[in-house]
């Protein structure tokens, strides 16, 4: 009888491990599926935001009502729109990765009232870019030469499928 109990316990242990393994695999598959869906939705949101921001740049921000401007995060006339939103908008509207200095220059050009009170604007921009990466909205690219580059993570522009070296070559030819 003792042998039968030990064998039954070993079989139950293996069955339990198999069941736990199945649950873990199913949860992993579901997580991967949801992360892929999130990436696709984020990409579509980025494309729509870029389209609306481009239209607002061309036609003026008056085409956006307050709610849409808040969703877009690009109410340039609104002083309360925030420094982070300004940096985000610069990345969203860029078709190529930018370094922190370039983002700072564009924020200065487009939102001078937001950058005026910063003692070290480049440092502030760098901090915001790191936070946007932490939020999953931007990513940093580390070239072998030159400063770190930043791009909107939902980029669907002509460089979205390009390798880093291809993007770097295009950027070098544009300078």
N, C-alpha and C. Protein backbone atom coordinates (compact mmCIF):
# COMPACT_ATOMS: atom_id res chain seq x y z
N UNK A 1 0.82 -1.19 0.00
CA UNK A 1 0.00 0.00 0.00
C UNK A 1 0.86 1.25 0.00
N UNK A 2 1.98 1.23 0.70
CA UNK A 2 2.89 2.36 0.77
C UNK A 2 3.45 2.69 -0.61
N UNK A 3 3.81 1.69 -1.38
CA UNK A 3 4.36 1.90 -2.71
C UNK A 3 3.31 2.56 -3.60
N UNK A 4 2.08 2.15 -3.51
CA UNK A 4 1.01 2.72 -4.33
C UNK A 4 0.79 4.18 -4.00
N UNK A 5 0.86 4.56 -2.76
CA UNK A 5 0.69 5.95 -2.35
C UNK A 5 1.83 6.81 -2.88
N UNK A 6 3.07 6.30 -2.82
CA UNK A 6 4.21 7.05 -3.34
C UNK A 6 4.10 7.25 -4.85
N UNK A 7 3.70 6.20 -5.56
CA UNK A 7 3.56 6.28 -7.01
C UNK A 7 2.44 7.27 -7.35
N UNK A 8 1.35 7.21 -6.64
CA UNK A 8 0.23 8.12 -6.90
C UNK A 8 0.66 9.56 -6.63
N UNK A 9 1.44 9.80 -5.59
CA UNK A 9 1.92 11.15 -5.29
C UNK A 9 2.85 11.66 -6.38
N UNK A 10 3.72 10.80 -6.89
CA UNK A 10 4.63 11.20 -7.96
C UNK A 10 3.85 11.53 -9.23
N UNK A 11 2.85 10.73 -9.55
CA UNK A 11 2.03 10.98 -10.74
C UNK A 11 1.28 12.29 -10.58
N UNK A 12 0.70 12.53 -9.37
CA UNK A 12 0.00 13.78 -9.11
C UNK A 12 0.94 14.98 -9.24
N UNK A 13 2.18 14.83 -8.78
CA UNK A 13 3.16 15.91 -8.87
C UNK A 13 3.49 16.25 -10.31
N UNK A 14 3.69 15.21 -11.16
CA UNK A 14 3.97 15.44 -12.58
C UNK A 14 2.77 16.07 -13.26
N UNK A 15 1.59 15.61 -12.96
CA UNK A 15 0.37 16.16 -13.56
C UNK A 15 0.20 17.61 -13.16
N UNK A 16 0.47 17.91 -11.92
CA UNK A 16 0.37 19.29 -11.45
C UNK A 16 1.39 20.18 -12.15
N UNK A 17 2.63 19.70 -12.31
CA UNK A 17 3.65 20.47 -13.03
C UNK A 17 3.25 20.68 -14.48
N UNK A 18 2.67 19.66 -15.10
CA UNK A 18 2.22 19.78 -16.48
C UNK A 18 1.10 20.82 -16.59
N UNK A 19 0.18 20.81 -15.64
CA UNK A 19 -0.92 21.78 -15.65
C UNK A 19 -0.41 23.20 -15.44
N UNK A 20 0.54 23.36 -14.52
CA UNK A 20 1.12 24.68 -14.28
C UNK A 20 1.86 25.14 -15.54
N UNK A 21 2.57 24.23 -16.18
CA UNK A 21 3.27 24.57 -17.41
C UNK A 21 2.30 25.02 -18.49
N UNK A 22 1.17 24.34 -18.61
CA UNK A 22 0.15 24.73 -19.61
C UNK A 22 -0.40 26.12 -19.31
N UNK A 23 -0.65 26.39 -18.04
CA UNK A 23 -1.18 27.70 -17.65
C UNK A 23 -0.16 28.79 -17.96
N UNK A 24 1.10 28.55 -17.65
CA UNK A 24 2.15 29.53 -17.91
C UNK A 24 2.28 29.78 -19.41
N UNK A 25 2.28 28.71 -20.22
CA UNK A 25 2.38 28.88 -21.67
C UNK A 25 1.18 29.64 -22.23
N UNK A 26 -0.01 29.33 -21.74
CA UNK A 26 -1.21 30.04 -22.21
C UNK A 26 -1.16 31.51 -21.82
N UNK A 27 -0.71 31.80 -20.60
CA UNK A 27 -0.60 33.20 -20.16
C UNK A 27 0.46 33.93 -20.98
N UNK A 28 1.56 33.27 -21.29
CA UNK A 28 2.61 33.90 -22.10
C UNK A 28 2.09 34.21 -23.50
N UNK A 29 1.37 33.27 -24.10
CA UNK A 29 0.81 33.50 -25.44
C UNK A 29 -0.17 34.68 -25.42
N UNK A 30 -1.02 34.73 -24.41
CA UNK A 30 -1.98 35.82 -24.29
C UNK A 30 -1.26 37.16 -24.11
N UNK A 31 -0.22 37.18 -23.27
CA UNK A 31 0.56 38.39 -23.06
C UNK A 31 1.20 38.85 -24.36
N UNK A 32 1.81 37.94 -25.10
CA UNK A 32 2.43 38.30 -26.38
C UNK A 32 1.39 38.84 -27.36
N UNK A 33 0.21 38.21 -27.41
CA UNK A 33 -0.86 38.67 -28.31
C UNK A 33 -1.31 40.07 -27.92
N UNK A 34 -1.49 40.32 -26.64
CA UNK A 34 -1.93 41.64 -26.18
C UNK A 34 -0.86 42.70 -26.42
N UNK A 35 0.41 42.36 -26.21
CA UNK A 35 1.49 43.32 -26.47
C UNK A 35 1.55 43.66 -27.96
N UNK A 36 1.32 42.69 -28.82
CA UNK A 36 1.30 42.94 -30.26
C UNK A 36 0.12 43.85 -30.62
N UNK A 37 -1.03 43.58 -30.03
CA UNK A 37 -2.20 44.45 -30.27
C UNK A 37 -1.92 45.87 -29.80
N UNK A 38 -1.29 46.00 -28.62
CA UNK A 38 -0.98 47.32 -28.10
C UNK A 38 -0.03 48.06 -29.04
N UNK A 39 0.96 47.35 -29.56
CA UNK A 39 1.90 47.97 -30.49
C UNK A 39 1.18 48.45 -31.75
N UNK A 40 0.25 47.64 -32.25
CA UNK A 40 -0.51 48.02 -33.45
C UNK A 40 -1.40 49.23 -33.18
N UNK A 41 -2.06 49.24 -32.02
CA UNK A 41 -2.92 50.38 -31.67
C UNK A 41 -2.07 51.63 -31.48
N UNK A 42 -0.94 51.52 -30.81
CA UNK A 42 -0.05 52.66 -30.61
C UNK A 42 0.43 53.21 -31.94
N UNK A 43 0.71 52.32 -32.87
CA UNK A 43 1.15 52.75 -34.20
C UNK A 43 0.03 53.50 -34.91
N UNK A 44 -1.18 53.01 -34.84
CA UNK A 44 -2.31 53.69 -35.49
C UNK A 44 -2.58 55.03 -34.83
N UNK A 45 -2.49 55.09 -33.50
CA UNK A 45 -2.69 56.36 -32.80
C UNK A 45 -1.64 57.37 -33.24
N UNK A 46 -0.39 56.93 -33.34
CA UNK A 46 0.68 57.83 -33.79
C UNK A 46 0.44 58.37 -35.19
N UNK A 47 -0.03 57.50 -36.09
CA UNK A 47 -0.30 57.94 -37.46
C UNK A 47 -1.43 58.97 -37.49
N UNK A 48 -2.46 58.74 -36.72
CA UNK A 48 -3.59 59.68 -36.68
C UNK A 48 -3.16 61.00 -36.05
N UNK A 49 -2.38 60.92 -34.98
CA UNK A 49 -1.89 62.15 -34.34
C UNK A 49 -1.02 62.95 -35.29
N UNK A 50 -0.13 62.26 -36.03
CA UNK A 50 0.71 62.98 -36.98
C UNK A 50 -0.12 63.63 -38.07
N UNK A 51 -1.15 62.94 -38.54
CA UNK A 51 -2.02 63.50 -39.57
C UNK A 51 -2.72 64.75 -39.05
N UNK A 52 -3.30 64.65 -37.86
CA UNK A 52 -4.01 65.81 -37.29
C UNK A 52 -3.05 66.95 -36.99
N UNK A 53 -1.87 66.63 -36.47
CA UNK A 53 -0.89 67.67 -36.16
C UNK A 53 -0.43 68.35 -37.45
N UNK A 54 -0.23 67.57 -38.50
CA UNK A 54 0.16 68.15 -39.78
C UNK A 54 -0.91 69.07 -40.34
N UNK A 55 -2.17 68.65 -40.24
CA UNK A 55 -3.27 69.50 -40.69
C UNK A 55 -3.34 70.78 -39.87
N UNK A 56 -3.14 70.65 -38.56
CA UNK A 56 -3.18 71.83 -37.70
C UNK A 56 -2.02 72.77 -38.02
N UNK A 57 -0.85 72.21 -38.33
CA UNK A 57 0.29 73.06 -38.72
C UNK A 57 -0.01 73.80 -40.02
N UNK A 58 -0.64 73.10 -40.95
CA UNK A 58 -0.93 73.72 -42.25
C UNK A 58 -2.08 74.72 -42.18
N UNK A 59 -3.13 74.35 -41.47
CA UNK A 59 -4.36 75.13 -41.50
C UNK A 59 -4.58 75.97 -40.25
N UNK A 60 -3.75 75.79 -39.27
CA UNK A 60 -3.89 76.52 -38.01
C UNK A 60 -4.59 75.67 -36.96
N UNK A 61 -4.21 75.91 -35.72
CA UNK A 61 -4.75 75.11 -34.62
C UNK A 61 -6.21 75.43 -34.32
N UNK A 62 -6.75 76.43 -34.97
CA UNK A 62 -8.17 76.75 -34.77
C UNK A 62 -9.07 75.66 -35.33
N UNK A 63 -8.55 74.79 -36.20
CA UNK A 63 -9.38 73.70 -36.72
C UNK A 63 -9.64 72.64 -35.66
N UNK A 64 -8.87 72.66 -34.57
CA UNK A 64 -9.02 71.68 -33.50
C UNK A 64 -9.87 72.27 -32.38
N UNK A 65 -10.90 71.55 -31.99
CA UNK A 65 -11.62 72.02 -30.81
C UNK A 65 -10.78 71.68 -29.58
N UNK A 66 -11.17 72.19 -28.42
CA UNK A 66 -10.35 72.00 -27.22
C UNK A 66 -10.16 70.53 -26.87
N UNK A 67 -11.22 69.73 -26.99
CA UNK A 67 -11.11 68.31 -26.66
C UNK A 67 -10.13 67.59 -27.58
N UNK A 68 -10.24 67.86 -28.89
CA UNK A 68 -9.33 67.23 -29.84
C UNK A 68 -7.90 67.73 -29.62
N UNK A 69 -7.75 69.01 -29.33
CA UNK A 69 -6.42 69.54 -29.04
C UNK A 69 -5.80 68.88 -27.83
N UNK A 70 -6.61 68.62 -26.81
CA UNK A 70 -6.11 67.92 -25.62
C UNK A 70 -5.72 66.48 -25.95
N UNK A 71 -6.54 65.80 -26.75
CA UNK A 71 -6.21 64.43 -27.16
C UNK A 71 -4.93 64.39 -27.98
N UNK A 72 -4.79 65.37 -28.84
CA UNK A 72 -3.62 65.45 -29.71
C UNK A 72 -2.39 65.86 -28.92
N UNK A 73 -2.60 66.64 -27.88
CA UNK A 73 -1.48 67.09 -27.07
C UNK A 73 -0.64 68.12 -27.77
N UNK A 74 -1.25 68.93 -28.61
CA UNK A 74 -0.46 69.87 -29.40
C UNK A 74 -1.07 71.26 -29.47
N UNK A 75 -1.76 71.67 -28.46
CA UNK A 75 -2.36 73.00 -28.46
C UNK A 75 -1.26 74.03 -28.25
N UNK A 76 -0.62 74.47 -29.34
CA UNK A 76 0.54 75.34 -29.25
C UNK A 76 0.22 76.66 -28.58
N UNK A 77 -0.99 77.14 -28.77
CA UNK A 77 -1.35 78.43 -28.20
C UNK A 77 -1.60 78.35 -26.70
N UNK A 78 -1.79 77.18 -26.20
CA UNK A 78 -2.12 77.00 -24.79
C UNK A 78 -0.83 76.90 -23.97
N UNK A 79 -0.59 77.87 -23.10
CA UNK A 79 0.63 77.86 -22.28
C UNK A 79 0.66 76.67 -21.34
N UNK A 80 -0.48 76.10 -21.03
CA UNK A 80 -0.53 74.98 -20.10
C UNK A 80 -0.32 73.64 -20.79
N UNK A 81 -0.02 73.67 -22.09
CA UNK A 81 0.11 72.41 -22.82
C UNK A 81 1.32 71.61 -22.34
N UNK A 82 2.33 72.26 -21.84
CA UNK A 82 3.41 71.56 -21.17
C UNK A 82 4.61 71.26 -22.03
N UNK A 83 5.72 71.20 -21.34
CA UNK A 83 7.01 70.96 -21.97
C UNK A 83 7.09 69.54 -22.54
N UNK A 84 6.57 68.57 -21.79
CA UNK A 84 6.58 67.18 -22.27
C UNK A 84 5.76 67.05 -23.54
N UNK A 85 4.61 67.67 -23.58
CA UNK A 85 3.78 67.61 -24.79
C UNK A 85 4.50 68.24 -25.98
N UNK A 86 5.23 69.31 -25.75
CA UNK A 86 5.96 69.97 -26.83
C UNK A 86 7.04 69.02 -27.38
N UNK A 87 7.78 68.38 -26.49
CA UNK A 87 8.80 67.42 -26.93
C UNK A 87 8.16 66.25 -27.66
N UNK A 88 7.04 65.78 -27.13
CA UNK A 88 6.32 64.68 -27.76
C UNK A 88 5.88 65.07 -29.18
N UNK A 89 5.36 66.26 -29.33
CA UNK A 89 4.88 66.72 -30.64
C UNK A 89 6.04 66.82 -31.64
N UNK A 90 7.18 67.29 -31.19
CA UNK A 90 8.34 67.38 -32.08
C UNK A 90 8.70 65.99 -32.59
N UNK A 91 8.72 64.99 -31.70
CA UNK A 91 9.05 63.62 -32.12
C UNK A 91 7.97 63.05 -33.04
N UNK A 92 6.72 63.27 -32.69
CA UNK A 92 5.62 62.74 -33.51
C UNK A 92 5.69 63.28 -34.93
N UNK A 93 6.04 64.54 -35.08
CA UNK A 93 6.05 65.18 -36.39
C UNK A 93 7.33 64.96 -37.17
N UNK A 94 8.31 64.34 -36.56
CA UNK A 94 9.59 64.14 -37.25
C UNK A 94 9.56 62.84 -38.05
N UNK A 95 10.02 62.90 -39.29
CA UNK A 95 10.08 61.70 -40.11
C UNK A 95 11.40 60.94 -39.93
N UNK A 96 12.35 61.54 -39.22
CA UNK A 96 13.64 60.90 -38.95
C UNK A 96 13.95 61.02 -37.46
N UNK A 97 14.77 60.13 -36.94
CA UNK A 97 15.19 60.26 -35.54
C UNK A 97 15.95 61.57 -35.31
N UNK A 98 15.77 62.14 -34.13
CA UNK A 98 16.42 63.41 -33.79
C UNK A 98 17.29 63.23 -32.56
N UNK A 99 18.36 64.02 -32.46
CA UNK A 99 19.12 64.02 -31.22
C UNK A 99 18.51 65.06 -30.28
N UNK A 100 18.92 65.05 -29.04
CA UNK A 100 18.32 65.94 -28.04
C UNK A 100 18.49 67.41 -28.42
N UNK A 101 19.63 67.76 -29.01
CA UNK A 101 19.87 69.15 -29.42
C UNK A 101 18.87 69.57 -30.49
N UNK A 102 18.58 68.69 -31.44
CA UNK A 102 17.61 69.00 -32.49
C UNK A 102 16.20 69.15 -31.92
N UNK A 103 15.84 68.28 -30.99
CA UNK A 103 14.54 68.39 -30.34
C UNK A 103 14.46 69.73 -29.60
N UNK A 104 15.51 70.09 -28.90
CA UNK A 104 15.56 71.35 -28.15
C UNK A 104 15.38 72.54 -29.10
N UNK A 105 16.07 72.51 -30.23
CA UNK A 105 15.95 73.60 -31.21
C UNK A 105 14.52 73.72 -31.74
N UNK A 106 13.91 72.58 -32.03
CA UNK A 106 12.54 72.63 -32.56
C UNK A 106 11.54 73.08 -31.50
N UNK A 107 11.74 72.67 -30.27
CA UNK A 107 10.87 73.16 -29.20
C UNK A 107 11.05 74.67 -29.06
N UNK A 108 12.28 75.14 -29.15
CA UNK A 108 12.56 76.58 -29.08
C UNK A 108 11.84 77.33 -30.20
N UNK A 109 11.85 76.79 -31.40
CA UNK A 109 11.21 77.44 -32.54
C UNK A 109 9.69 77.42 -32.44
N UNK A 110 9.13 76.28 -32.05
CA UNK A 110 7.68 76.11 -32.07
C UNK A 110 7.00 76.55 -30.77
N UNK A 111 7.72 76.44 -29.65
CA UNK A 111 7.13 76.73 -28.35
C UNK A 111 8.08 77.57 -27.50
N UNK A 112 8.46 78.76 -27.96
CA UNK A 112 9.46 79.56 -27.23
C UNK A 112 9.01 79.90 -25.81
N UNK A 113 7.72 80.06 -25.60
CA UNK A 113 7.24 80.41 -24.26
C UNK A 113 7.44 79.28 -23.26
N UNK A 114 7.50 78.04 -23.74
CA UNK A 114 7.68 76.90 -22.83
C UNK A 114 9.14 76.71 -22.43
N UNK A 115 10.03 77.04 -23.31
CA UNK A 115 11.45 76.78 -23.05
C UNK A 115 12.13 77.97 -22.37
N UNK A 116 11.48 79.14 -22.42
CA UNK A 116 12.10 80.37 -21.92
C UNK A 116 12.47 80.29 -20.43
N UNK A 117 11.67 79.61 -19.64
CA UNK A 117 11.94 79.59 -18.19
C UNK A 117 12.87 78.46 -17.75
N UNK A 118 13.37 77.67 -18.69
CA UNK A 118 14.30 76.58 -18.34
C UNK A 118 15.73 77.10 -18.34
N UNK A 119 16.43 76.90 -17.23
CA UNK A 119 17.83 77.35 -17.14
C UNK A 119 18.74 76.52 -18.04
N UNK A 120 18.43 75.24 -18.15
CA UNK A 120 19.24 74.33 -18.98
C UNK A 120 18.28 73.56 -19.89
N UNK A 121 17.83 74.21 -20.97
CA UNK A 121 16.82 73.59 -21.83
C UNK A 121 17.24 72.22 -22.38
N UNK A 122 18.49 72.07 -22.77
CA UNK A 122 18.94 70.80 -23.33
C UNK A 122 18.84 69.68 -22.30
N UNK A 123 19.18 69.99 -21.07
CA UNK A 123 19.06 69.01 -19.99
C UNK A 123 17.59 68.64 -19.76
N UNK A 124 16.71 69.65 -19.80
CA UNK A 124 15.28 69.39 -19.63
C UNK A 124 14.75 68.51 -20.75
N UNK A 125 15.16 68.80 -21.99
CA UNK A 125 14.72 67.99 -23.13
C UNK A 125 15.23 66.56 -22.98
N UNK A 126 16.48 66.39 -22.59
CA UNK A 126 17.04 65.05 -22.41
C UNK A 126 16.26 64.26 -21.37
N UNK A 127 15.89 64.91 -20.29
CA UNK A 127 15.11 64.26 -19.25
C UNK A 127 13.75 63.82 -19.79
N UNK A 128 13.10 64.71 -20.52
CA UNK A 128 11.78 64.38 -21.09
C UNK A 128 11.90 63.22 -22.08
N UNK A 129 12.93 63.22 -22.91
CA UNK A 129 13.10 62.15 -23.88
C UNK A 129 13.30 60.80 -23.18
N UNK A 130 14.08 60.79 -22.11
CA UNK A 130 14.26 59.53 -21.35
C UNK A 130 12.93 59.08 -20.75
N UNK A 131 12.14 60.02 -20.26
CA UNK A 131 10.83 59.66 -19.69
C UNK A 131 9.88 59.14 -20.76
N UNK A 132 9.89 59.76 -21.93
CA UNK A 132 9.05 59.27 -23.03
C UNK A 132 9.44 57.84 -23.41
N UNK A 133 10.72 57.54 -23.35
CA UNK A 133 11.17 56.17 -23.61
C UNK A 133 10.67 55.24 -22.51
N UNK A 134 10.74 55.70 -21.27
CA UNK A 134 10.23 54.90 -20.15
C UNK A 134 8.74 54.64 -20.28
N UNK A 135 8.00 55.61 -20.82
CA UNK A 135 6.55 55.47 -21.02
C UNK A 135 6.22 54.57 -22.20
N UNK A 136 7.22 54.23 -22.99
CA UNK A 136 6.98 53.41 -24.17
C UNK A 136 6.52 54.21 -25.38
N UNK A 137 6.72 55.52 -25.35
CA UNK A 137 6.28 56.38 -26.45
C UNK A 137 7.40 56.69 -27.42
N UNK A 138 8.63 56.59 -26.98
CA UNK A 138 9.78 56.90 -27.82
C UNK A 138 10.84 55.84 -27.55
N UNK A 139 11.81 55.78 -28.45
CA UNK A 139 12.94 54.88 -28.23
C UNK A 139 14.21 55.62 -28.60
N UNK A 140 15.28 55.22 -27.95
CA UNK A 140 16.57 55.84 -28.26
C UNK A 140 17.37 54.89 -29.13
N UNK A 141 18.09 55.48 -30.04
CA UNK A 141 18.97 54.73 -30.93
C UNK A 141 20.39 55.16 -30.61
N UNK A 142 21.29 54.23 -30.54
CA UNK A 142 22.67 54.51 -30.15
C UNK A 142 23.60 54.30 -31.33
N UNK A 143 23.88 55.35 -32.09
CA UNK A 143 24.80 55.20 -33.22
C UNK A 143 26.22 54.97 -32.74
N UNK A 144 27.03 54.40 -33.61
CA UNK A 144 28.43 54.19 -33.25
C UNK A 144 29.15 55.52 -33.12
N UNK A 145 28.76 56.49 -33.94
CA UNK A 145 29.35 57.82 -33.88
C UNK A 145 28.22 58.82 -33.71
N UNK A 146 28.50 59.86 -32.98
CA UNK A 146 27.51 60.92 -32.82
C UNK A 146 26.61 60.71 -31.62
N UNK A 147 25.74 61.69 -31.39
CA UNK A 147 24.88 61.64 -30.20
C UNK A 147 23.75 60.62 -30.35
N UNK A 148 23.17 60.27 -29.23
CA UNK A 148 22.02 59.38 -29.19
C UNK A 148 20.87 60.02 -29.96
N UNK A 149 20.14 59.20 -30.69
CA UNK A 149 18.99 59.69 -31.45
C UNK A 149 17.71 59.18 -30.81
N UNK A 150 16.64 59.94 -30.99
CA UNK A 150 15.34 59.59 -30.42
C UNK A 150 14.30 59.58 -31.52
N UNK A 151 13.39 58.60 -31.46
CA UNK A 151 12.30 58.57 -32.43
C UNK A 151 11.01 58.15 -31.74
N UNK A 152 9.92 58.62 -32.31
CA UNK A 152 8.59 58.24 -31.84
C UNK A 152 8.42 56.76 -32.11
N UNK A 153 7.97 56.02 -31.14
CA UNK A 153 7.92 54.57 -31.25
C UNK A 153 6.87 54.09 -32.25
N UNK A 154 5.87 54.90 -32.51
CA UNK A 154 4.82 54.51 -33.45
C UNK A 154 5.12 55.04 -34.83
N UNK A 155 6.38 55.30 -35.12
CA UNK A 155 6.77 55.87 -36.41
C UNK A 155 6.38 54.95 -37.54
N UNK A 156 5.64 55.48 -38.50
CA UNK A 156 5.26 54.70 -39.68
C UNK A 156 5.75 55.37 -40.94
N UNK A 157 6.71 56.28 -40.76
CA UNK A 157 7.23 57.02 -41.90
C UNK A 157 8.16 56.15 -42.73
N UNK A 158 8.85 56.78 -43.69
CA UNK A 158 9.67 56.02 -44.62
C UNK A 158 10.83 55.30 -43.95
N UNK A 159 11.24 55.70 -42.76
CA UNK A 159 12.37 55.06 -42.08
C UNK A 159 11.94 53.96 -41.12
N UNK A 160 10.63 53.71 -40.97
CA UNK A 160 10.19 52.81 -39.92
C UNK A 160 10.72 51.39 -40.08
N UNK A 161 10.92 50.94 -41.31
CA UNK A 161 11.44 49.61 -41.51
C UNK A 161 12.93 49.60 -41.80
N UNK A 162 13.55 50.74 -41.77
CA UNK A 162 14.96 50.85 -42.13
C UNK A 162 15.83 50.44 -40.95
N UNK A 163 17.01 49.94 -41.28
CA UNK A 163 17.97 49.63 -40.24
C UNK A 163 18.55 50.94 -39.71
N UNK A 164 19.22 50.85 -38.58
CA UNK A 164 19.78 52.06 -38.00
C UNK A 164 20.81 52.69 -38.93
N UNK A 165 21.62 51.86 -39.60
CA UNK A 165 22.63 52.41 -40.50
C UNK A 165 21.99 53.13 -41.68
N UNK A 166 20.86 52.62 -42.17
CA UNK A 166 20.16 53.29 -43.26
C UNK A 166 19.63 54.64 -42.81
N UNK A 167 19.07 54.68 -41.61
CA UNK A 167 18.56 55.94 -41.07
C UNK A 167 19.72 56.92 -40.88
N UNK A 168 20.83 56.45 -40.34
CA UNK A 168 21.99 57.32 -40.11
C UNK A 168 22.52 57.87 -41.43
N UNK A 169 22.57 57.04 -42.48
CA UNK A 169 23.02 57.52 -43.77
C UNK A 169 22.11 58.62 -44.31
N UNK A 170 20.80 58.40 -44.20
CA UNK A 170 19.84 59.41 -44.66
C UNK A 170 20.01 60.72 -43.89
N UNK A 171 20.18 60.59 -42.56
CA UNK A 171 20.35 61.79 -41.75
C UNK A 171 21.62 62.54 -42.14
N UNK A 172 22.69 61.80 -42.37
CA UNK A 172 23.97 62.44 -42.74
C UNK A 172 23.83 63.16 -44.08
N UNK A 173 23.09 62.60 -45.00
CA UNK A 173 22.93 63.24 -46.30
C UNK A 173 22.03 64.46 -46.23
N UNK A 174 21.20 64.56 -45.19
CA UNK A 174 20.30 65.71 -45.02
C UNK A 174 21.00 66.88 -44.36
N UNK A 175 22.12 66.64 -43.70
CA UNK A 175 22.81 67.71 -42.96
C UNK A 175 23.68 68.54 -43.84
